[in-house]
């Protein structure tokens, strides 16, 4: 079924809940020298979505900033510090989706607001949407951001550029 067909199906109207055990929010940063890629994942995520009768979509992901994991404990501590996410003061990263525009059978643009460190900025994610069953939808959203626009400006001794790739790989189940 195409995305337009999915949004036109009266059976999908209502609230959808994120399945956190089957979902992830990840990021990647290339070092300035291009020799290494830093990969990370946030392990604490929750969310809901809503599809209205007219096919409009809204949703919200709440990501626990302190749940950040890169595989190196010292780096994770530094990323949680005031130099980067300042998780003690700003425990949540919030993504608020306000619209979905289908671009093809399974592709769409998600129009959202991203809130990091109490700074909210608009964001558009390229997404693929696949219906896995009557009550399950798989959504993968991708975008590149300049993390410094959200106050995440640490550099780890000048090694990290500002551009960060974000991927939200999510499964939603009809509530």
N, C-alpha and C. Protein backbone atom coordinates (compact mmCIF):
# COMPACT_ATOMS: atom_id res chain seq x y z
N UNK A 1 0.84 -1.18 0.00
CA UNK A 1 0.00 0.00 0.00
C UNK A 1 0.88 1.25 0.00
N UNK A 2 0.51 2.22 -0.80
CA UNK A 2 1.28 3.47 -0.87
C UNK A 2 1.02 4.31 0.36
N UNK A 3 1.86 5.31 0.55
CA UNK A 3 1.69 6.23 1.67
C UNK A 3 0.38 7.00 1.55
N UNK A 4 0.05 7.46 0.36
CA UNK A 4 -1.23 8.17 0.17
C UNK A 4 -2.40 7.26 0.50
N UNK A 5 -2.31 6.00 0.09
CA UNK A 5 -3.35 5.02 0.41
C UNK A 5 -3.46 4.79 1.91
N UNK A 6 -2.32 4.72 2.57
CA UNK A 6 -2.31 4.55 4.02
C UNK A 6 -3.01 5.71 4.71
N UNK A 7 -2.67 6.94 4.31
CA UNK A 7 -3.25 8.11 4.96
C UNK A 7 -4.74 8.28 4.64
N UNK A 8 -5.20 7.67 3.56
CA UNK A 8 -6.62 7.75 3.19
C UNK A 8 -7.45 6.63 3.83
N UNK A 9 -6.80 5.66 4.44
CA UNK A 9 -7.48 4.52 5.05
C UNK A 9 -8.13 4.95 6.37
N UNK A 10 -9.46 4.88 6.50
CA UNK A 10 -10.10 5.29 7.75
C UNK A 10 -9.68 4.43 8.95
N UNK A 11 -9.16 3.25 8.69
CA UNK A 11 -8.72 2.38 9.77
C UNK A 11 -7.47 2.84 10.49
N UNK A 12 -6.74 3.78 9.91
CA UNK A 12 -5.51 4.25 10.55
C UNK A 12 -5.73 5.50 11.41
N UNK A 13 -6.91 6.06 11.35
CA UNK A 13 -7.20 7.28 12.12
C UNK A 13 -7.09 6.97 13.61
N UNK A 14 -6.41 7.85 14.32
CA UNK A 14 -6.28 7.71 15.77
C UNK A 14 -4.85 7.86 16.23
N UNK A 15 -4.63 7.38 17.44
CA UNK A 15 -3.34 7.52 18.10
C UNK A 15 -2.48 6.29 17.83
N UNK A 16 -1.19 6.55 17.59
CA UNK A 16 -0.19 5.52 17.37
C UNK A 16 0.89 5.71 18.42
N UNK A 17 1.42 4.61 18.97
CA UNK A 17 2.41 4.67 20.03
C UNK A 17 3.73 4.08 19.55
N UNK A 18 4.82 4.76 19.86
CA UNK A 18 6.15 4.27 19.51
C UNK A 18 6.44 2.97 20.25
N UNK A 19 7.01 2.00 19.54
CA UNK A 19 7.51 0.77 20.15
C UNK A 19 9.00 0.97 20.41
N UNK A 20 9.38 1.42 21.63
CA UNK A 20 10.77 1.80 21.88
C UNK A 20 11.77 0.66 21.72
N UNK A 21 11.36 -0.57 22.01
CA UNK A 21 12.28 -1.71 21.87
C UNK A 21 12.60 -2.04 20.42
N UNK A 22 11.83 -1.49 19.49
CA UNK A 22 12.04 -1.74 18.06
C UNK A 22 12.38 -0.46 17.31
N UNK A 23 12.76 0.59 18.04
CA UNK A 23 13.03 1.89 17.44
C UNK A 23 14.39 2.40 17.92
N UNK A 24 14.97 3.31 17.14
CA UNK A 24 16.24 3.91 17.54
C UNK A 24 16.35 5.32 16.99
N UNK A 25 17.14 6.13 17.69
CA UNK A 25 17.53 7.45 17.21
C UNK A 25 19.05 7.47 17.27
N UNK A 26 19.67 7.65 16.09
CA UNK A 26 21.12 7.57 15.97
C UNK A 26 21.68 8.85 15.34
N UNK A 27 22.97 9.06 15.54
CA UNK A 27 23.65 10.18 14.89
C UNK A 27 25.04 9.72 14.46
N UNK A 28 25.59 10.41 13.47
CA UNK A 28 26.97 10.19 13.04
C UNK A 28 27.62 11.53 12.79
N UNK A 29 28.89 11.61 13.13
CA UNK A 29 29.74 12.77 12.87
C UNK A 29 31.05 12.27 12.30
N UNK A 30 31.52 12.88 11.23
CA UNK A 30 32.85 12.58 10.70
C UNK A 30 33.83 13.49 11.42
N UNK A 31 35.02 12.99 11.70
CA UNK A 31 36.04 13.85 12.29
C UNK A 31 36.53 14.81 11.21
N UNK A 32 37.16 15.88 11.62
CA UNK A 32 37.66 16.86 10.65
C UNK A 32 38.66 16.24 9.68
N UNK A 33 39.38 15.25 10.15
CA UNK A 33 40.36 14.62 9.29
C UNK A 33 39.74 13.54 8.41
N UNK A 34 38.49 13.21 8.63
CA UNK A 34 37.81 12.21 7.82
C UNK A 34 38.31 10.79 8.03
N UNK A 35 39.10 10.58 9.05
CA UNK A 35 39.67 9.26 9.30
C UNK A 35 38.74 8.34 10.08
N UNK A 36 37.78 8.94 10.75
CA UNK A 36 36.93 8.17 11.64
C UNK A 36 35.52 8.77 11.66
N UNK A 37 34.55 7.94 11.88
CA UNK A 37 33.19 8.41 12.06
C UNK A 37 32.77 8.10 13.49
N UNK A 38 32.27 9.10 14.19
CA UNK A 38 31.75 8.89 15.53
C UNK A 38 30.27 8.56 15.37
N UNK A 39 29.86 7.42 15.91
CA UNK A 39 28.47 6.99 15.84
C UNK A 39 27.90 6.93 17.25
N UNK A 40 26.67 7.36 17.37
CA UNK A 40 26.02 7.30 18.68
C UNK A 40 24.56 6.97 18.56
N UNK A 41 24.00 6.58 19.68
CA UNK A 41 22.58 6.24 19.74
C UNK A 41 22.03 6.70 21.07
N UNK A 42 20.79 7.15 21.05
CA UNK A 42 20.06 7.47 22.27
C UNK A 42 19.19 6.25 22.58
N UNK A 43 19.34 5.71 23.78
CA UNK A 43 18.65 4.46 24.11
C UNK A 43 17.30 4.67 24.79
N UNK A 44 17.01 5.87 25.24
CA UNK A 44 15.72 6.16 25.88
C UNK A 44 14.88 7.05 24.98
N UNK A 45 13.89 6.45 24.31
CA UNK A 45 12.99 7.24 23.46
C UNK A 45 11.56 6.79 23.70
N UNK A 46 10.67 7.74 23.60
CA UNK A 46 9.23 7.44 23.68
C UNK A 46 8.53 8.38 22.72
N UNK A 47 7.33 8.02 22.33
CA UNK A 47 6.64 8.90 21.41
C UNK A 47 5.24 8.43 21.06
N UNK A 48 4.52 9.35 20.46
CA UNK A 48 3.17 9.07 19.96
C UNK A 48 3.00 9.81 18.64
N UNK A 49 2.05 9.34 17.88
CA UNK A 49 1.68 10.00 16.64
C UNK A 49 0.17 9.98 16.52
N UNK A 50 -0.35 10.80 15.65
CA UNK A 50 -1.79 10.86 15.45
C UNK A 50 -2.07 11.07 13.97
N UNK A 51 -2.99 10.29 13.45
CA UNK A 51 -3.47 10.46 12.09
C UNK A 51 -4.93 10.88 12.17
N UNK A 52 -5.25 11.98 11.52
CA UNK A 52 -6.62 12.53 11.54
C UNK A 52 -7.41 11.99 10.35
N UNK A 53 -8.73 12.20 10.38
CA UNK A 53 -9.62 11.75 9.31
C UNK A 53 -9.25 12.33 7.95
N UNK A 54 -8.69 13.53 7.93
CA UNK A 54 -8.31 14.17 6.66
C UNK A 54 -6.92 13.74 6.18
N UNK A 55 -6.29 12.79 6.89
CA UNK A 55 -4.98 12.30 6.50
C UNK A 55 -3.82 13.11 7.04
N UNK A 56 -4.10 14.16 7.80
CA UNK A 56 -3.01 14.93 8.39
C UNK A 56 -2.39 14.14 9.54
N UNK A 57 -1.11 14.42 9.77
CA UNK A 57 -0.34 13.66 10.74
C UNK A 57 0.38 14.60 11.69
N UNK A 58 0.47 14.20 12.94
CA UNK A 58 1.28 14.91 13.92
C UNK A 58 1.93 13.87 14.82
N UNK A 59 2.98 14.26 15.50
CA UNK A 59 3.65 13.32 16.37
C UNK A 59 4.68 13.98 17.24
N UNK A 60 5.14 13.21 18.20
CA UNK A 60 6.12 13.74 19.16
C UNK A 60 7.03 12.60 19.61
N UNK A 61 8.33 12.85 19.54
CA UNK A 61 9.33 11.95 20.12
C UNK A 61 10.02 12.67 21.25
N UNK A 62 10.19 11.99 22.37
CA UNK A 62 10.95 12.53 23.49
C UNK A 62 12.15 11.59 23.67
N UNK A 63 13.32 12.18 23.57
CA UNK A 63 14.57 11.43 23.61
C UNK A 63 15.33 11.82 24.87
N UNK A 64 15.67 10.85 25.68
CA UNK A 64 16.46 11.11 26.88
C UNK A 64 17.90 11.43 26.50
N UNK A 65 18.30 12.69 26.65
CA UNK A 65 19.64 13.12 26.21
C UNK A 65 20.74 12.36 26.93
N UNK A 66 20.55 12.03 28.19
CA UNK A 66 21.58 11.32 28.96
C UNK A 66 21.71 9.86 28.55
N UNK A 67 20.79 9.36 27.74
CA UNK A 67 20.86 7.96 27.30
C UNK A 67 21.82 7.78 26.13
N UNK A 68 22.52 8.82 25.77
CA UNK A 68 23.49 8.81 24.68
C UNK A 68 24.57 7.76 24.91
N UNK A 69 24.82 6.95 23.88
CA UNK A 69 25.87 5.93 23.93
C UNK A 69 26.65 5.95 22.62
N UNK A 70 27.99 6.04 22.72
CA UNK A 70 28.86 5.97 21.54
C UNK A 70 29.82 4.80 21.59
N UNK A 71 29.86 4.12 22.72
CA UNK A 71 30.80 3.00 22.86
C UNK A 71 32.05 3.36 23.63
N UNK A 72 32.26 4.64 23.91
CA UNK A 72 33.40 5.08 24.73
C UNK A 72 32.87 5.90 25.90
N UNK A 73 33.03 5.37 27.11
CA UNK A 73 32.47 6.01 28.30
C UNK A 73 32.92 7.44 28.52
N UNK A 74 34.21 7.71 28.37
CA UNK A 74 34.72 9.08 28.57
C UNK A 74 34.12 10.04 27.54
N UNK A 75 34.02 9.60 26.30
CA UNK A 75 33.42 10.45 25.26
C UNK A 75 31.96 10.70 25.59
N UNK A 76 31.23 9.65 26.03
CA UNK A 76 29.82 9.82 26.39
C UNK A 76 29.66 10.83 27.51
N UNK A 77 30.53 10.76 28.53
CA UNK A 77 30.49 11.73 29.64
C UNK A 77 30.69 13.15 29.11
N UNK A 78 31.67 13.31 28.21
CA UNK A 78 31.92 14.64 27.64
C UNK A 78 30.73 15.12 26.82
N UNK A 79 30.11 14.24 26.04
CA UNK A 79 28.95 14.63 25.24
C UNK A 79 27.75 15.00 26.12
N UNK A 80 27.67 14.45 27.32
CA UNK A 80 26.58 14.80 28.26
C UNK A 80 26.87 16.10 29.00
N UNK A 81 28.11 16.59 28.94
CA UNK A 81 28.54 17.76 29.70
C UNK A 81 27.99 19.05 29.09
N UNK A 82 28.18 20.19 29.79
CA UNK A 82 27.75 21.48 29.25
C UNK A 82 28.40 21.84 27.91
N UNK A 83 29.54 21.23 27.56
CA UNK A 83 30.17 21.49 26.26
C UNK A 83 29.27 21.05 25.10
N UNK A 84 28.46 20.03 25.34
CA UNK A 84 27.63 19.49 24.26
C UNK A 84 26.14 19.53 24.66
N UNK A 85 25.59 18.43 25.16
CA UNK A 85 24.15 18.36 25.41
C UNK A 85 23.72 18.93 26.75
N UNK A 86 24.61 19.07 27.72
CA UNK A 86 24.29 19.60 29.05
C UNK A 86 23.05 18.91 29.61
N UNK A 87 23.14 17.58 29.71
CA UNK A 87 21.97 16.77 30.07
C UNK A 87 21.45 17.04 31.48
N UNK A 88 22.27 17.56 32.36
CA UNK A 88 21.78 17.89 33.71
C UNK A 88 20.76 19.02 33.64
N UNK A 89 20.97 19.99 32.78
CA UNK A 89 20.05 21.13 32.63
C UNK A 89 18.97 20.87 31.60
N UNK A 90 19.29 20.07 30.57
CA UNK A 90 18.36 19.84 29.45
C UNK A 90 18.21 18.34 29.21
N UNK A 91 17.40 17.67 30.03
CA UNK A 91 17.34 16.21 29.98
C UNK A 91 16.67 15.62 28.74
N UNK A 92 15.84 16.41 28.05
CA UNK A 92 15.09 15.86 26.91
C UNK A 92 15.41 16.58 25.61
N UNK A 93 15.46 15.79 24.56
CA UNK A 93 15.48 16.29 23.19
C UNK A 93 14.11 15.96 22.63
N UNK A 94 13.44 16.94 22.04
CA UNK A 94 12.06 16.73 21.60
C UNK A 94 11.93 17.03 20.11
N UNK A 95 11.29 16.11 19.42
CA UNK A 95 10.96 16.28 18.01
C UNK A 95 9.45 16.33 17.90
N UNK A 96 8.91 17.42 17.37
CA UNK A 96 7.46 17.59 17.18
C UNK A 96 7.18 17.63 15.68
N UNK A 97 6.55 16.59 15.17
CA UNK A 97 6.19 16.53 13.75
C UNK A 97 4.83 17.20 13.58
N UNK A 98 4.75 18.14 12.64
CA UNK A 98 3.51 18.86 12.41
C UNK A 98 2.84 18.54 11.10
N UNK A 99 3.59 17.93 10.17
CA UNK A 99 3.01 17.62 8.86
C UNK A 99 3.85 16.57 8.15
N UNK A 100 3.16 15.81 7.31
CA UNK A 100 3.80 14.82 6.45
C UNK A 100 3.33 15.09 5.03
N UNK A 101 4.28 15.23 4.11
CA UNK A 101 3.95 15.43 2.70
C UNK A 101 4.45 14.23 1.91
N UNK A 102 3.55 13.40 1.40
CA UNK A 102 3.99 12.26 0.58
C UNK A 102 4.71 12.74 -0.67
N UNK A 103 5.83 12.08 -0.99
CA UNK A 103 6.62 12.41 -2.18
C UNK A 103 6.62 11.28 -3.19
N UNK A 104 6.18 10.12 -2.79
CA UNK A 104 6.18 8.94 -3.64
C UNK A 104 5.41 7.84 -2.94
N UNK A 105 5.55 6.62 -3.45
CA UNK A 105 4.80 5.51 -2.87
C UNK A 105 5.08 5.31 -1.39
N UNK A 106 6.36 5.43 -0.98
CA UNK A 106 6.72 5.22 0.42
C UNK A 106 7.61 6.32 0.96
N UNK A 107 7.81 7.38 0.19
CA UNK A 107 8.68 8.47 0.66
C UNK A 107 7.86 9.70 1.01
N UNK A 108 8.39 10.46 1.94
CA UNK A 108 7.68 11.65 2.41
C UNK A 108 8.69 12.65 2.98
N UNK A 109 8.22 13.87 3.17
CA UNK A 109 8.94 14.88 3.92
C UNK A 109 8.20 15.09 5.23
N UNK A 110 8.92 14.99 6.32
CA UNK A 110 8.33 15.26 7.64
C UNK A 110 8.74 16.66 8.04
N UNK A 111 7.78 17.50 8.30
CA UNK A 111 8.04 18.87 8.76
C UNK A 111 7.93 18.84 10.28
N UNK A 112 9.01 19.25 10.94
CA UNK A 112 9.07 19.11 12.38
C UNK A 112 9.76 20.30 13.02
N UNK A 113 9.71 20.32 14.33
CA UNK A 113 10.51 21.22 15.14
C UNK A 113 11.38 20.35 16.03
N UNK A 114 12.67 20.69 16.11
CA UNK A 114 13.61 19.98 16.97
C UNK A 114 14.00 20.90 18.11
N UNK A 115 13.84 20.39 19.34
CA UNK A 115 14.20 21.15 20.53
C UNK A 115 15.36 20.45 21.22
N UNK A 116 16.50 21.13 21.27
CA UNK A 116 17.69 20.65 21.96
C UNK A 116 18.19 21.81 22.82
N UNK A 117 18.48 21.54 24.09
CA UNK A 117 18.99 22.58 25.00
C UNK A 117 18.05 23.79 25.05
N UNK A 118 16.74 23.54 24.99
CA UNK A 118 15.69 24.57 25.01
C UNK A 118 15.75 25.50 23.82
N UNK A 119 16.39 25.10 22.75
CA UNK A 119 16.40 25.85 21.50
C UNK A 119 15.58 25.04 20.50
N UNK A 120 14.54 25.68 19.96
CA UNK A 120 13.67 25.01 19.00
C UNK A 120 13.88 25.62 17.63
N UNK A 121 14.11 24.75 16.65
CA UNK A 121 14.30 25.18 15.26
C UNK A 121 13.53 24.24 14.35
N UNK A 122 13.07 24.76 13.21
CA UNK A 122 12.37 23.89 12.25
C UNK A 122 13.34 22.90 11.61
N UNK A 123 12.78 21.80 11.19
CA UNK A 123 13.58 20.72 10.64
C UNK A 123 12.72 19.96 9.64
N UNK A 124 13.30 19.59 8.52
CA UNK A 124 12.61 18.74 7.55
C UNK A 124 13.40 17.45 7.42
N UNK A 125 12.72 16.33 7.54
CA UNK A 125 13.36 15.03 7.43
C UNK A 125 12.85 14.31 6.20
N UNK A 126 13.75 13.71 5.44
CA UNK A 126 13.37 12.82 4.36
C UNK A 126 13.00 11.50 5.03
N UNK A 127 11.84 10.95 4.68
CA UNK A 127 11.37 9.75 5.37
C UNK A 127 10.89 8.68 4.41
N UNK A 128 11.00 7.46 4.86
CA UNK A 128 10.32 6.35 4.20
C UNK A 128 9.29 5.81 5.18
N UNK A 129 8.13 5.48 4.67
CA UNK A 129 7.04 4.99 5.51
C UNK A 129 6.55 3.69 4.91
N UNK A 130 6.54 2.64 5.73
CA UNK A 130 6.13 1.32 5.27
C UNK A 130 5.12 0.75 6.26
N UNK A 131 4.01 0.31 5.75
CA UNK A 131 3.01 -0.35 6.61
C UNK A 131 3.44 -1.80 6.75
N UNK A 132 3.65 -2.23 7.99
CA UNK A 132 4.09 -3.60 8.26
C UNK A 132 2.93 -4.54 8.53
N UNK A 133 1.81 -3.97 8.85
CA UNK A 133 0.60 -4.72 9.15
C UNK A 133 -0.51 -3.73 9.39
N UNK A 134 -1.69 -4.21 9.68
CA UNK A 134 -2.81 -3.30 9.88
C UNK A 134 -2.56 -2.29 11.00
N UNK A 135 -1.81 -2.71 12.01
CA UNK A 135 -1.63 -1.85 13.17
C UNK A 135 -0.17 -1.48 13.44
N UNK A 136 0.69 -1.59 12.41
CA UNK A 136 2.11 -1.29 12.60
C UNK A 136 2.65 -0.54 11.40
N UNK A 137 3.39 0.55 11.68
CA UNK A 137 4.00 1.36 10.63
C UNK A 137 5.47 1.56 10.97
N UNK A 138 6.33 1.43 9.95
CA UNK A 138 7.77 1.65 10.10
C UNK A 138 8.10 2.98 9.41
N UNK A 139 8.68 3.91 10.17
CA UNK A 139 9.06 5.23 9.65
C UNK A 139 10.54 5.44 9.91
N UNK A 140 11.28 5.75 8.84
CA UNK A 140 12.69 6.08 8.97
C UNK A 140 12.87 7.50 8.46
N UNK A 141 13.27 8.40 9.35
CA UNK A 141 13.51 9.79 8.98
C UNK A 141 14.99 10.12 9.05
N UNK A 142 15.48 10.87 8.06
CA UNK A 142 16.90 11.23 7.99
C UNK A 142 17.06 12.72 7.69
N UNK A 143 18.10 13.29 8.29
CA UNK A 143 18.46 14.67 7.96
C UNK A 143 19.87 14.95 8.44
N UNK A 144 20.47 15.99 7.90
CA UNK A 144 21.75 16.52 8.38
C UNK A 144 21.47 17.88 9.00
N UNK A 145 22.08 18.13 10.15
CA UNK A 145 21.90 19.41 10.82
C UNK A 145 23.25 20.02 11.17
N UNK A 146 23.23 21.32 11.40
CA UNK A 146 24.36 22.02 11.99
C UNK A 146 24.06 22.05 13.49
N UNK A 147 24.68 21.17 14.24
CA UNK A 147 24.37 21.01 15.66
C UNK A 147 24.60 22.29 16.46
N UNK A 148 25.47 23.17 15.96
CA UNK A 148 25.74 24.41 16.69
C UNK A 148 24.53 25.34 16.70
N UNK A 149 23.60 25.17 15.76
CA UNK A 149 22.38 25.99 15.74
C UNK A 149 21.50 25.69 16.96
N UNK A 150 21.73 24.55 17.61
CA UNK A 150 20.99 24.17 18.80
C UNK A 150 21.85 24.29 20.06
N UNK A 151 22.98 24.96 19.96
CA UNK A 151 23.83 25.17 21.11
C UNK A 151 24.72 24.00 21.46
N UNK A 152 24.77 22.98 20.61
CA UNK A 152 25.65 21.84 20.84
C UNK A 152 26.95 22.17 20.11
N UNK A 153 27.82 22.92 20.80
CA UNK A 153 28.93 23.54 20.09
C UNK A 153 30.31 23.03 20.50
N UNK A 154 30.39 22.06 21.37
CA UNK A 154 31.70 21.52 21.74
C UNK A 154 32.40 20.93 20.53
N UNK A 155 33.73 20.85 20.60
CA UNK A 155 34.47 20.36 19.44
C UNK A 155 35.37 19.18 19.73
N UNK A 156 35.56 18.77 20.98
CA UNK A 156 36.48 17.68 21.32
C UNK A 156 37.85 17.94 20.71
N UNK A 157 38.49 19.00 21.15
CA UNK A 157 39.83 19.39 20.69
C UNK A 157 39.85 19.68 19.20
N UNK A 158 38.77 20.24 18.68
CA UNK A 158 38.71 20.62 17.29
C UNK A 158 38.49 19.50 16.31
N UNK A 159 38.17 18.31 16.81
CA UNK A 159 38.06 17.15 15.94
C UNK A 159 36.70 16.99 15.28
N UNK A 160 35.65 17.58 15.85
CA UNK A 160 34.30 17.32 15.34
C UNK A 160 33.76 18.51 14.57
N UNK A 161 33.35 18.28 13.32
CA UNK A 161 32.73 19.36 12.56
C UNK A 161 31.30 19.60 13.07
N UNK A 162 30.69 20.66 12.62
CA UNK A 162 29.35 21.02 13.08
C UNK A 162 28.26 20.14 12.49
N UNK A 163 28.47 19.58 11.31
CA UNK A 163 27.42 18.81 10.64
C UNK A 163 27.26 17.43 11.27
N UNK A 164 26.03 17.12 11.62
CA UNK A 164 25.68 15.83 12.21
C UNK A 164 24.55 15.21 11.40
N UNK A 165 24.67 13.93 11.10
CA UNK A 165 23.61 13.19 10.42
C UNK A 165 22.74 12.52 11.48
N UNK A 166 21.43 12.70 11.36
CA UNK A 166 20.48 12.11 12.30
C UNK A 166 19.60 11.10 11.58
N UNK A 167 19.32 9.98 12.25
CA UNK A 167 18.41 8.97 11.72
C UNK A 167 17.50 8.52 12.85
N UNK A 168 16.20 8.63 12.63
CA UNK A 168 15.20 8.08 13.55
C UNK A 168 14.56 6.90 12.83
N UNK A 169 14.79 5.70 13.34
CA UNK A 169 14.26 4.46 12.76
C UNK A 169 13.20 3.97 13.73
N UNK A 170 11.95 4.19 13.41
CA UNK A 170 10.88 4.01 14.39
C UNK A 170 9.80 3.06 13.91
N UNK A 171 9.22 2.40 14.88
CA UNK A 171 8.05 1.54 14.67
C UNK A 171 6.93 2.11 15.54
N UNK A 172 5.79 2.38 14.91
CA UNK A 172 4.61 2.85 15.63
C UNK A 172 3.51 1.79 15.53
N UNK A 173 2.80 1.59 16.65
CA UNK A 173 1.72 0.62 16.72
C UNK A 173 0.43 1.36 17.08
N UNK A 174 -0.65 1.03 16.40
CA UNK A 174 -1.93 1.70 16.67
C UNK A 174 -2.37 1.39 18.10
N UNK A 175 -2.70 2.45 18.81
CA UNK A 175 -3.11 2.31 20.22
C UNK A 175 -4.54 1.81 20.34
